[in-house]
């Protein structure tokens, strides 16, 4: 029996409703953990992209200097 609200229970929370609440809280907690993990991954990717951009800029500069010496 699924209960979506506690109407008619006059403040009494049934065991089924208690399990639903616990499951919802666990799900929210799991989502927060996943979101935090995604932020960490995004941050690391941004750092890697920044490093690659610097390396690419340096290589382009070296290539330009080599072509200028020819």
N, C-alpha and C. Protein backbone atom coordinates (compact mmCIF):
# COMPACT_ATOMS: atom_id res chain seq x y z
N UNK A 1 0.84 -1.18 0.00
CA UNK A 1 0.00 0.00 0.00
C UNK A 1 0.88 1.24 0.00
N UNK A 2 0.77 2.08 -1.03
CA UNK A 2 1.55 3.30 -1.14
C UNK A 2 0.78 4.47 -0.56
N UNK A 3 1.43 5.20 0.31
CA UNK A 3 0.83 6.41 0.87
C UNK A 3 1.66 7.59 0.44
N UNK A 4 1.04 8.55 -0.23
CA UNK A 4 1.77 9.72 -0.69
C UNK A 4 1.71 10.85 0.32
N UNK A 5 0.80 10.77 1.24
CA UNK A 5 0.74 11.78 2.29
C UNK A 5 0.21 11.13 3.56
N UNK A 6 0.21 11.88 4.61
CA UNK A 6 -0.21 11.33 5.89
C UNK A 6 -1.61 11.81 6.28
N UNK A 7 -2.41 12.23 5.32
CA UNK A 7 -3.77 12.69 5.61
C UNK A 7 -4.57 11.57 6.24
N UNK A 8 -5.32 11.90 7.24
CA UNK A 8 -6.17 10.92 7.89
C UNK A 8 -5.48 10.14 8.97
N UNK A 9 -4.15 10.26 9.04
CA UNK A 9 -3.41 9.54 10.07
C UNK A 9 -3.29 10.34 11.36
N UNK A 10 -3.70 11.59 11.30
CA UNK A 10 -3.70 12.49 12.46
C UNK A 10 -2.34 12.44 13.17
N UNK A 11 -1.31 12.71 12.42
CA UNK A 11 0.02 12.80 13.00
C UNK A 11 0.72 11.48 13.19
N UNK A 12 0.07 10.39 12.89
CA UNK A 12 0.71 9.09 13.04
C UNK A 12 1.36 8.73 11.71
N UNK A 13 2.64 8.48 11.75
CA UNK A 13 3.35 8.10 10.53
C UNK A 13 3.42 6.58 10.50
N UNK A 14 2.90 6.03 9.44
CA UNK A 14 2.90 4.57 9.31
C UNK A 14 4.31 4.08 8.99
N UNK A 15 4.54 2.82 9.20
CA UNK A 15 5.85 2.22 8.92
C UNK A 15 6.17 2.33 7.43
N UNK A 16 5.16 2.18 6.58
CA UNK A 16 5.38 2.28 5.13
C UNK A 16 5.80 3.70 4.75
N UNK A 17 5.12 4.68 5.35
CA UNK A 17 5.45 6.08 5.05
C UNK A 17 6.84 6.42 5.58
N UNK A 18 7.18 5.86 6.71
CA UNK A 18 8.50 6.09 7.28
C UNK A 18 9.58 5.54 6.35
N UNK A 19 9.33 4.38 5.76
CA UNK A 19 10.27 3.80 4.80
C UNK A 19 10.38 4.66 3.55
N UNK A 20 9.26 5.21 3.10
CA UNK A 20 9.27 6.08 1.92
C UNK A 20 10.11 7.32 2.19
N UNK A 21 9.92 7.91 3.37
CA UNK A 21 10.67 9.11 3.73
C UNK A 21 12.15 8.81 3.78
N UNK A 22 12.51 7.69 4.38
CA UNK A 22 13.91 7.29 4.48
C UNK A 22 14.50 7.08 3.09
N UNK A 23 13.74 6.45 2.21
CA UNK A 23 14.20 6.19 0.84
C UNK A 23 14.40 7.51 0.08
N UNK A 24 13.48 8.46 0.25
CA UNK A 24 13.60 9.77 -0.41
C UNK A 24 14.83 10.50 0.08
N UNK A 25 15.08 10.45 1.39
CA UNK A 25 16.24 11.13 1.95
C UNK A 25 17.53 10.49 1.45
N UNK A 26 17.55 9.17 1.37
CA UNK A 26 18.72 8.46 0.87
C UNK A 26 18.97 8.82 -0.59
N UNK A 27 17.90 8.88 -1.37
CA UNK A 27 18.02 9.23 -2.78
C UNK A 27 18.59 10.64 -2.93
N UNK A 28 18.10 11.59 -2.14
CA UNK A 28 18.60 12.97 -2.20
C UNK A 28 20.07 13.00 -1.82
N UNK A 29 20.44 12.24 -0.81
CA UNK A 29 21.83 12.18 -0.37
C UNK A 29 22.71 11.62 -1.48
N UNK A 30 22.25 10.56 -2.13
CA UNK A 30 23.01 9.96 -3.22
C UNK A 30 23.17 10.95 -4.38
N UNK A 31 22.12 11.71 -4.66
CA UNK A 31 22.21 12.72 -5.73
C UNK A 31 23.21 13.80 -5.38
N UNK A 32 23.24 14.21 -4.11
CA UNK A 32 24.21 15.23 -3.69
C UNK A 32 25.64 14.72 -3.83
N UNK A 33 25.85 13.46 -3.49
CA UNK A 33 27.18 12.87 -3.63
C UNK A 33 27.58 12.82 -5.10
N UNK A 34 26.65 12.42 -5.96
CA UNK A 34 26.94 12.35 -7.39
C UNK A 34 27.23 13.74 -7.95
N UNK A 35 26.48 14.74 -7.48
CA UNK A 35 26.70 16.11 -7.94
C UNK A 35 28.09 16.60 -7.52
N UNK A 36 28.45 16.31 -6.28
CA UNK A 36 29.78 16.71 -5.79
C UNK A 36 30.87 16.04 -6.62
N UNK A 37 30.68 14.77 -6.96
CA UNK A 37 31.65 14.04 -7.78
C UNK A 37 31.76 14.67 -9.17
N UNK A 38 30.63 15.06 -9.74
CA UNK A 38 30.64 15.70 -11.06
C UNK A 38 31.38 17.04 -11.02
N UNK A 39 31.20 17.79 -9.93
CA UNK A 39 31.93 19.06 -9.79
C UNK A 39 33.43 18.82 -9.72
N UNK A 40 33.85 17.78 -9.01
CA UNK A 40 35.28 17.46 -8.93
C UNK A 40 35.83 17.10 -10.31
N UNK A 41 35.08 16.28 -11.04
CA UNK A 41 35.51 15.87 -12.38
C UNK A 41 35.61 17.08 -13.30
N UNK A 42 34.60 17.95 -13.24
CA UNK A 42 34.58 19.15 -14.07
C UNK A 42 35.77 20.04 -13.75
N UNK A 43 36.07 20.19 -12.47
CA UNK A 43 37.20 21.02 -12.06
C UNK A 43 38.51 20.46 -12.61
N UNK A 44 38.69 19.14 -12.50
CA UNK A 44 39.92 18.53 -13.01
C UNK A 44 40.03 18.67 -14.52
N UNK A 45 38.91 18.52 -15.22
CA UNK A 45 38.93 18.69 -16.68
C UNK A 45 39.29 20.12 -17.07
N UNK A 46 38.75 21.08 -16.34
CA UNK A 46 39.08 22.49 -16.62
C UNK A 46 40.56 22.75 -16.40
N UNK A 47 41.14 22.15 -15.35
CA UNK A 47 42.57 22.30 -15.10
C UNK A 47 43.39 21.69 -16.22
N UNK A 48 43.00 20.52 -16.68
CA UNK A 48 43.73 19.85 -17.77
C UNK A 48 43.63 20.66 -19.06
N UNK A 49 42.45 21.18 -19.35
CA UNK A 49 42.28 21.99 -20.56
C UNK A 49 43.17 23.22 -20.50
N UNK A 50 43.22 23.84 -19.34
CA UNK A 50 44.07 25.03 -19.17
C UNK A 50 45.54 24.69 -19.43
N UNK A 51 46.00 23.57 -18.87
CA UNK A 51 47.39 23.15 -19.09
C UNK A 51 47.64 22.86 -20.57
N UNK A 52 46.70 22.19 -21.22
CA UNK A 52 46.87 21.88 -22.64
C UNK A 52 46.91 23.14 -23.49
N UNK A 53 46.10 24.13 -23.12
CA UNK A 53 46.11 25.40 -23.86
C UNK A 53 47.47 26.08 -23.74
N UNK A 54 48.07 26.03 -22.55
CA UNK A 54 49.39 26.63 -22.34
C UNK A 54 50.45 25.90 -23.15
N UNK A 55 50.38 24.57 -23.15
CA UNK A 55 51.35 23.77 -23.92
C UNK A 55 51.19 24.06 -25.41
N UNK A 56 49.96 24.11 -25.88
CA UNK A 56 49.70 24.39 -27.29
C UNK A 56 50.23 25.76 -27.68
N UNK A 57 50.02 26.74 -26.82
CA UNK A 57 50.51 28.09 -27.08
C UNK A 57 52.04 28.10 -27.16
N UNK A 58 52.67 27.36 -26.25
CA UNK A 58 54.13 27.28 -26.23
C UNK A 58 54.64 26.60 -27.50
N UNK A 59 54.00 25.53 -27.90
CA UNK A 59 54.41 24.82 -29.12
C UNK A 59 54.21 25.69 -30.35
N UNK A 60 53.11 26.41 -30.39
CA UNK A 60 52.87 27.29 -31.54
C UNK A 60 53.96 28.36 -31.62
N UNK A 61 54.36 28.86 -30.45
CA UNK A 61 55.42 29.87 -30.42
C UNK A 61 56.73 29.29 -30.94
N UNK A 62 57.06 28.08 -30.50
CA UNK A 62 58.29 27.41 -30.96
C UNK A 62 58.25 27.16 -32.47
N UNK A 63 57.13 26.71 -32.97
CA UNK A 63 56.99 26.45 -34.41
C UNK A 63 57.15 27.74 -35.18
N UNK A 64 56.56 28.82 -34.67
CA UNK A 64 56.68 30.12 -35.32
C UNK A 64 58.13 30.58 -35.37
N UNK A 65 58.87 30.35 -34.27
CA UNK A 65 60.28 30.74 -34.23
C UNK A 65 61.09 29.89 -35.21
N UNK A 66 60.79 28.60 -35.29
CA UNK A 66 61.51 27.72 -36.23
C UNK A 66 61.27 28.15 -37.67
N UNK A 67 60.04 28.52 -37.97
CA UNK A 67 59.73 28.93 -39.34
C UNK A 67 60.38 30.28 -39.66
N UNK A 68 60.53 31.10 -38.64
CA UNK A 68 61.17 32.40 -38.84
C UNK A 68 62.66 32.28 -39.10
N UNK A 69 63.27 31.21 -38.61
CA UNK A 69 64.70 31.00 -38.80
C UNK A 69 65.04 30.42 -40.16
N UNK A 70 64.06 29.91 -40.86
CA UNK A 70 64.31 29.27 -42.16
C UNK A 70 64.59 30.24 -43.24
